N, C-alpha and C. Protein backbone atom coordinates (compact mmCIF):
# COMPACT_ATOMS: atom_id res chain seq x y z
N UNK A 1 17.19 -8.30 4.45
CA UNK A 1 16.21 -7.36 3.93
C UNK A 1 16.62 -5.94 4.34
N UNK A 2 16.53 -5.01 3.39
CA UNK A 2 16.90 -3.64 3.71
C UNK A 2 15.69 -2.73 3.67
N UNK A 3 15.91 -1.46 3.96
CA UNK A 3 14.82 -0.48 4.04
C UNK A 3 14.08 -0.28 2.73
N UNK A 4 14.70 -0.66 1.62
CA UNK A 4 14.07 -0.43 0.33
C UNK A 4 13.27 -1.63 -0.18
N UNK A 5 13.35 -2.77 0.50
CA UNK A 5 12.64 -3.96 0.04
C UNK A 5 11.13 -3.76 -0.01
N UNK A 6 10.56 -3.10 1.00
CA UNK A 6 9.12 -2.86 0.99
C UNK A 6 8.72 -1.91 -0.13
N UNK A 7 9.58 -0.96 -0.44
CA UNK A 7 9.32 -0.06 -1.57
C UNK A 7 9.37 -0.84 -2.89
N UNK A 8 10.34 -1.74 -3.01
CA UNK A 8 10.44 -2.54 -4.24
C UNK A 8 9.20 -3.41 -4.43
N UNK A 9 8.70 -3.99 -3.35
CA UNK A 9 7.46 -4.79 -3.45
C UNK A 9 6.30 -3.92 -3.92
N UNK A 10 6.18 -2.73 -3.36
CA UNK A 10 5.10 -1.82 -3.75
C UNK A 10 5.25 -1.39 -5.20
N UNK A 11 6.47 -1.16 -5.65
CA UNK A 11 6.71 -0.78 -7.05
C UNK A 11 6.33 -1.93 -8.00
N UNK A 12 6.63 -3.16 -7.60
CA UNK A 12 6.25 -4.31 -8.44
C UNK A 12 4.73 -4.43 -8.55
N UNK A 13 4.05 -4.19 -7.45
CA UNK A 13 2.58 -4.24 -7.49
C UNK A 13 2.03 -3.11 -8.36
N UNK A 14 2.60 -1.93 -8.25
CA UNK A 14 2.15 -0.80 -9.06
C UNK A 14 2.39 -1.08 -10.54
N UNK A 15 3.50 -1.72 -10.86
CA UNK A 15 3.83 -2.02 -12.26
C UNK A 15 2.72 -2.84 -12.93
N UNK A 16 2.06 -3.68 -12.17
CA UNK A 16 0.97 -4.51 -12.72
C UNK A 16 -0.20 -3.65 -13.20
N UNK A 17 -0.31 -2.44 -12.68
CA UNK A 17 -1.42 -1.55 -13.03
C UNK A 17 -1.06 -0.56 -14.14
N UNK A 18 0.15 -0.64 -14.66
CA UNK A 18 0.58 0.30 -15.69
C UNK A 18 -0.34 0.23 -16.91
N UNK A 19 -0.55 1.38 -17.51
CA UNK A 19 -1.34 1.49 -18.73
C UNK A 19 -0.36 1.85 -19.85
N UNK A 20 0.09 0.83 -20.58
CA UNK A 20 1.13 1.03 -21.59
C UNK A 20 0.76 0.32 -22.90
N UNK A 21 -0.39 0.68 -23.51
CA UNK A 21 -0.81 -0.02 -24.72
C UNK A 21 0.02 0.29 -25.96
N UNK A 22 0.82 1.33 -25.93
CA UNK A 22 1.59 1.73 -27.11
C UNK A 22 3.01 1.21 -27.07
N UNK A 23 3.68 1.39 -25.95
CA UNK A 23 5.06 0.94 -25.84
C UNK A 23 5.18 -0.46 -25.26
N UNK A 24 4.16 -0.90 -24.53
CA UNK A 24 4.21 -2.15 -23.77
C UNK A 24 5.38 -2.14 -22.78
N UNK A 25 5.82 -0.97 -22.38
CA UNK A 25 6.91 -0.82 -21.41
C UNK A 25 6.29 -0.38 -20.10
N UNK A 26 6.06 -1.37 -19.24
CA UNK A 26 5.37 -1.13 -17.99
C UNK A 26 6.36 -0.76 -16.90
N UNK A 27 6.08 0.34 -16.21
CA UNK A 27 6.95 0.82 -15.14
C UNK A 27 6.13 0.96 -13.86
N UNK A 28 6.71 0.52 -12.77
CA UNK A 28 6.11 0.72 -11.46
C UNK A 28 7.08 1.48 -10.58
N UNK A 29 6.57 2.33 -9.74
CA UNK A 29 7.41 3.08 -8.81
C UNK A 29 6.72 3.18 -7.47
N UNK A 30 7.52 3.40 -6.46
CA UNK A 30 6.99 3.64 -5.12
C UNK A 30 7.90 4.64 -4.43
N UNK A 31 7.30 5.55 -3.70
CA UNK A 31 8.06 6.51 -2.91
C UNK A 31 7.62 6.40 -1.45
N UNK A 32 8.56 6.68 -0.56
CA UNK A 32 8.22 6.74 0.85
C UNK A 32 8.24 8.21 1.26
N UNK A 33 7.14 8.65 1.84
CA UNK A 33 7.08 10.01 2.35
C UNK A 33 7.74 10.10 3.71
N UNK A 34 7.99 11.32 4.15
CA UNK A 34 8.59 11.50 5.47
C UNK A 34 7.63 11.12 6.59
N UNK A 35 6.39 10.80 6.24
CA UNK A 35 5.42 10.28 7.21
C UNK A 35 5.52 8.77 7.37
N UNK A 36 6.43 8.13 6.60
CA UNK A 36 6.62 6.68 6.67
C UNK A 36 5.75 5.88 5.72
N UNK A 37 4.74 6.50 5.14
CA UNK A 37 3.84 5.80 4.22
C UNK A 37 4.48 5.60 2.86
N UNK A 38 4.02 4.56 2.17
CA UNK A 38 4.49 4.24 0.82
C UNK A 38 3.37 4.56 -0.16
N UNK A 39 3.76 5.18 -1.27
CA UNK A 39 2.82 5.57 -2.32
C UNK A 39 3.30 4.99 -3.64
N UNK A 40 2.41 4.26 -4.32
CA UNK A 40 2.77 3.65 -5.59
C UNK A 40 2.31 4.47 -6.76
N UNK A 41 2.93 4.21 -7.90
CA UNK A 41 2.55 4.85 -9.14
C UNK A 41 2.96 3.98 -10.32
N UNK A 42 2.24 4.09 -11.41
CA UNK A 42 2.57 3.36 -12.63
C UNK A 42 2.52 4.33 -13.80
N UNK A 43 3.22 3.97 -14.87
CA UNK A 43 3.16 4.84 -16.04
C UNK A 43 1.79 4.74 -16.69
N UNK A 44 1.32 5.87 -17.21
CA UNK A 44 0.03 5.95 -17.89
C UNK A 44 0.28 6.62 -19.24
N UNK A 45 0.20 5.83 -20.30
CA UNK A 45 0.45 6.35 -21.65
C UNK A 45 -0.81 6.98 -22.22
N UNK A 46 -0.59 7.74 -23.28
CA UNK A 46 -1.67 8.42 -23.97
C UNK A 46 -1.37 8.37 -25.46
N UNK A 47 -2.42 8.29 -26.28
CA UNK A 47 -2.22 8.28 -27.73
C UNK A 47 -1.46 9.53 -28.18
N UNK A 48 -1.64 10.63 -27.48
CA UNK A 48 -0.83 11.83 -27.69
C UNK A 48 0.36 11.69 -26.75
N UNK A 49 1.44 11.09 -27.26
CA UNK A 49 2.55 10.62 -26.42
C UNK A 49 3.05 11.63 -25.38
N UNK A 50 3.06 12.89 -25.72
CA UNK A 50 3.55 13.90 -24.79
C UNK A 50 2.72 14.02 -23.52
N UNK A 51 1.52 13.49 -23.55
CA UNK A 51 0.65 13.53 -22.37
C UNK A 51 0.83 12.32 -21.44
N UNK A 52 1.70 11.40 -21.83
CA UNK A 52 1.97 10.25 -20.97
C UNK A 52 2.60 10.70 -19.66
N UNK A 53 2.38 9.93 -18.61
CA UNK A 53 2.89 10.29 -17.28
C UNK A 53 3.71 9.12 -16.75
N UNK A 54 4.89 9.43 -16.26
CA UNK A 54 5.79 8.41 -15.73
C UNK A 54 5.31 7.89 -14.37
N UNK A 55 5.72 6.68 -14.06
CA UNK A 55 5.35 6.05 -12.79
C UNK A 55 5.87 6.84 -11.60
N UNK A 56 7.09 7.34 -11.69
CA UNK A 56 7.68 8.06 -10.56
C UNK A 56 6.88 9.31 -10.24
N UNK A 57 6.50 10.05 -11.26
CA UNK A 57 5.73 11.28 -11.02
C UNK A 57 4.32 10.96 -10.51
N UNK A 58 3.75 9.84 -10.95
CA UNK A 58 2.45 9.43 -10.40
C UNK A 58 2.57 9.08 -8.92
N UNK A 59 3.65 8.41 -8.54
CA UNK A 59 3.85 8.07 -7.13
C UNK A 59 4.03 9.34 -6.29
N UNK A 60 4.81 10.28 -6.79
CA UNK A 60 5.00 11.55 -6.07
C UNK A 60 3.67 12.27 -5.93
N UNK A 61 2.89 12.29 -7.01
CA UNK A 61 1.59 12.98 -6.95
C UNK A 61 0.68 12.34 -5.90
N UNK A 62 0.69 11.01 -5.80
CA UNK A 62 -0.12 10.34 -4.79
C UNK A 62 0.32 10.77 -3.39
N UNK A 63 1.62 10.88 -3.18
CA UNK A 63 2.14 11.32 -1.87
C UNK A 63 1.72 12.75 -1.58
N UNK A 64 1.84 13.61 -2.56
CA UNK A 64 1.49 15.03 -2.37
C UNK A 64 0.00 15.15 -2.04
N UNK A 65 -0.84 14.36 -2.69
CA UNK A 65 -2.28 14.41 -2.41
C UNK A 65 -2.59 14.00 -0.98
N UNK A 66 -1.67 13.26 -0.35
CA UNK A 66 -1.84 12.85 1.04
C UNK A 66 -1.16 13.82 2.01
N UNK A 67 -0.65 14.92 1.47
CA UNK A 67 -0.05 15.94 2.32
C UNK A 67 1.45 15.87 2.47
N UNK A 68 2.10 14.91 1.83
CA UNK A 68 3.55 14.75 1.93
C UNK A 68 4.25 15.89 1.19
N UNK A 69 5.29 16.41 1.79
CA UNK A 69 6.10 17.45 1.15
C UNK A 69 7.58 17.08 1.11
N UNK A 70 7.93 15.92 1.70
CA UNK A 70 9.31 15.41 1.64
C UNK A 70 9.26 13.93 1.30
N UNK A 71 10.02 13.54 0.28
CA UNK A 71 10.17 12.14 -0.11
C UNK A 71 11.51 11.67 0.44
N UNK A 72 11.54 10.46 1.02
CA UNK A 72 12.78 9.99 1.64
C UNK A 72 13.41 8.79 0.95
N UNK A 73 12.68 8.11 0.04
CA UNK A 73 13.24 6.97 -0.68
C UNK A 73 12.35 6.66 -1.88
N UNK A 74 12.95 6.03 -2.90
CA UNK A 74 12.25 5.70 -4.15
C UNK A 74 12.68 4.32 -4.62
N UNK A 75 11.73 3.60 -5.23
CA UNK A 75 12.04 2.34 -5.91
C UNK A 75 11.35 2.36 -7.27
N UNK A 76 12.03 1.81 -8.28
CA UNK A 76 11.50 1.77 -9.64
C UNK A 76 11.71 0.37 -10.22
N UNK A 77 10.67 -0.18 -10.86
CA UNK A 77 10.74 -1.49 -11.49
C UNK A 77 10.40 -1.37 -12.97
N UNK A 78 11.28 -1.93 -13.81
CA UNK A 78 11.05 -1.98 -15.26
C UNK A 78 11.41 -3.38 -15.75
N UNK A 79 11.32 -3.59 -17.05
CA UNK A 79 11.74 -4.85 -17.65
C UNK A 79 13.18 -4.78 -18.14
N UNK A 80 13.77 -3.61 -18.18
CA UNK A 80 15.09 -3.41 -18.78
C UNK A 80 16.20 -4.08 -18.00
N UNK A 81 17.19 -4.57 -18.75
CA UNK A 81 18.39 -5.14 -18.15
C UNK A 81 19.60 -4.45 -18.79
N UNK A 82 20.40 -3.79 -17.97
CA UNK A 82 20.28 -3.62 -16.52
C UNK A 82 19.13 -2.67 -16.18
N UNK A 83 18.73 -2.63 -14.90
CA UNK A 83 17.64 -1.74 -14.49
C UNK A 83 17.95 -0.29 -14.87
N UNK A 84 16.92 0.44 -15.28
CA UNK A 84 17.11 1.82 -15.73
C UNK A 84 16.70 2.82 -14.66
N UNK A 85 17.31 4.00 -14.76
CA UNK A 85 17.04 5.09 -13.82
C UNK A 85 15.88 5.94 -14.31
N UNK A 86 15.28 6.73 -13.43
CA UNK A 86 14.21 7.64 -13.83
C UNK A 86 14.67 8.62 -14.91
N UNK A 87 13.73 9.06 -15.72
CA UNK A 87 14.04 10.06 -16.76
C UNK A 87 14.37 11.40 -16.11
N UNK A 88 14.81 12.34 -16.90
CA UNK A 88 15.19 13.65 -16.38
C UNK A 88 14.05 14.39 -15.72
N UNK A 89 12.85 14.32 -16.30
CA UNK A 89 11.70 15.01 -15.70
C UNK A 89 11.38 14.42 -14.33
N UNK A 90 11.48 13.11 -14.20
CA UNK A 90 11.21 12.48 -12.91
C UNK A 90 12.30 12.82 -11.89
N UNK A 91 13.54 12.88 -12.34
CA UNK A 91 14.63 13.27 -11.44
C UNK A 91 14.39 14.68 -10.90
N UNK A 92 13.99 15.58 -11.79
CA UNK A 92 13.74 16.96 -11.36
C UNK A 92 12.53 17.02 -10.41
N UNK A 93 11.51 16.22 -10.68
CA UNK A 93 10.35 16.17 -9.78
C UNK A 93 10.76 15.67 -8.41
N UNK A 94 11.57 14.63 -8.36
CA UNK A 94 12.06 14.12 -7.07
C UNK A 94 12.87 15.18 -6.34
N UNK A 95 13.66 15.95 -7.09
CA UNK A 95 14.48 16.99 -6.48
C UNK A 95 13.64 18.10 -5.85
N UNK A 96 12.40 18.24 -6.30
CA UNK A 96 11.50 19.22 -5.68
C UNK A 96 11.15 18.82 -4.25
N UNK A 97 11.22 17.52 -3.97
CA UNK A 97 10.77 17.01 -2.67
C UNK A 97 11.88 16.37 -1.84
N UNK A 98 13.13 16.46 -2.32
CA UNK A 98 14.26 15.91 -1.57
C UNK A 98 15.56 16.49 -2.11
N UNK A 99 16.50 16.77 -1.22
CA UNK A 99 17.83 17.19 -1.66
C UNK A 99 18.61 15.98 -2.15
N UNK A 100 18.43 14.86 -1.47
CA UNK A 100 19.06 13.60 -1.84
C UNK A 100 18.23 12.49 -1.20
N UNK A 101 18.26 11.32 -1.79
CA UNK A 101 17.56 10.17 -1.24
C UNK A 101 18.04 8.91 -1.92
N UNK A 102 17.87 7.75 -1.26
CA UNK A 102 18.25 6.49 -1.89
C UNK A 102 17.21 6.10 -2.95
N UNK A 103 17.72 5.53 -4.03
CA UNK A 103 16.86 5.06 -5.11
C UNK A 103 17.27 3.63 -5.44
N UNK A 104 16.31 2.71 -5.36
CA UNK A 104 16.54 1.31 -5.73
C UNK A 104 15.91 1.07 -7.10
N UNK A 105 16.71 0.56 -8.02
CA UNK A 105 16.26 0.26 -9.37
C UNK A 105 16.32 -1.25 -9.55
N UNK A 106 15.26 -1.84 -10.06
CA UNK A 106 15.27 -3.28 -10.28
C UNK A 106 14.49 -3.59 -11.55
N UNK A 107 14.57 -4.86 -11.96
CA UNK A 107 13.82 -5.30 -13.13
C UNK A 107 13.10 -6.60 -12.80
N UNK A 108 12.39 -7.11 -13.77
CA UNK A 108 11.59 -8.31 -13.56
C UNK A 108 12.44 -9.56 -13.34
N UNK A 109 13.72 -9.50 -13.68
CA UNK A 109 14.65 -10.62 -13.45
C UNK A 109 15.23 -10.61 -12.04
N UNK A 110 15.01 -9.51 -11.33
CA UNK A 110 15.56 -9.39 -9.99
C UNK A 110 16.90 -8.71 -9.92
N UNK A 111 17.43 -8.25 -11.08
CA UNK A 111 18.67 -7.48 -11.04
C UNK A 111 18.38 -6.18 -10.31
N UNK A 112 19.37 -5.68 -9.59
CA UNK A 112 19.14 -4.48 -8.80
C UNK A 112 20.36 -3.57 -8.84
N UNK A 113 20.07 -2.29 -8.87
CA UNK A 113 21.11 -1.26 -8.76
C UNK A 113 20.61 -0.22 -7.77
N UNK A 114 21.43 0.09 -6.80
CA UNK A 114 21.11 1.14 -5.84
C UNK A 114 21.90 2.39 -6.19
N UNK A 115 21.25 3.53 -6.10
CA UNK A 115 21.89 4.80 -6.42
C UNK A 115 21.27 5.87 -5.53
N UNK A 116 21.55 7.10 -5.82
CA UNK A 116 20.96 8.22 -5.08
C UNK A 116 20.51 9.29 -6.06
N UNK A 117 19.63 10.14 -5.58
CA UNK A 117 19.19 11.25 -6.41
C UNK A 117 20.37 12.16 -6.76
N UNK A 118 21.21 12.43 -5.80
CA UNK A 118 22.36 13.32 -6.05
C UNK A 118 23.29 12.74 -7.12
N UNK A 119 23.43 11.41 -7.14
CA UNK A 119 24.25 10.78 -8.18
C UNK A 119 23.60 10.94 -9.56
N UNK A 120 22.27 10.83 -9.61
CA UNK A 120 21.56 10.91 -10.88
C UNK A 120 21.34 12.35 -11.35
N UNK A 121 21.31 13.29 -10.41
CA UNK A 121 21.05 14.69 -10.75
C UNK A 121 21.96 15.58 -9.88
N UNK A 122 23.26 15.61 -10.21
CA UNK A 122 24.23 16.25 -9.32
C UNK A 122 24.07 17.77 -9.18
N UNK A 123 23.58 18.45 -10.18
CA UNK A 123 23.44 19.91 -10.10
C UNK A 123 21.98 20.30 -10.29
N UNK A 124 21.14 19.74 -9.45
CA UNK A 124 19.70 19.95 -9.58
C UNK A 124 19.32 21.41 -9.41
N UNK A 125 18.36 21.84 -10.19
CA UNK A 125 17.76 23.15 -10.06
C UNK A 125 16.68 23.05 -9.01
N UNK A 126 16.66 23.97 -8.06
CA UNK A 126 15.68 23.88 -6.98
C UNK A 126 15.16 25.23 -6.54
N UNK A 127 14.33 25.18 -5.52
CA UNK A 127 13.68 26.40 -5.04
C UNK A 127 14.66 27.46 -4.58
N UNK A 128 15.82 27.05 -4.07
CA UNK A 128 16.80 28.06 -3.63
C UNK A 128 17.40 28.81 -4.82
N UNK A 129 17.34 28.23 -6.01
CA UNK A 129 17.84 28.92 -7.20
C UNK A 129 16.91 30.05 -7.64
N UNK A 130 15.71 30.09 -7.13
CA UNK A 130 14.73 31.11 -7.52
C UNK A 130 14.84 32.38 -6.70
N UNK A 131 15.70 32.37 -5.69
CA UNK A 131 15.84 33.54 -4.81
C UNK A 131 16.82 34.54 -5.36
């Protein structure tokens, strides 16, 4: 068992709560804050598709509401084979709260891919670019 297994379990539980009546593509995510706590999130779709919210951003928002300002690890669960990475908006959101971090991607079959934020977003735009 590795450090990301507990995050993967939390992401699987969050996936069960996804609201995806249009795409039927349920996503669960979990992030670990620098306080050690785990925060789950699921995708929430909307009839006005642009208002849908990804699971990863929901998990980050839950952490922020608890006072977290640094994310140290992420897990994402989907049905896709092979497991898919977060979208660009989610990658940029993660980059707001971490320079780099481990990301575990898995699916309902148990396939897994481990990566990092830096691998997924090598030239991230961040707060230092605003100076």
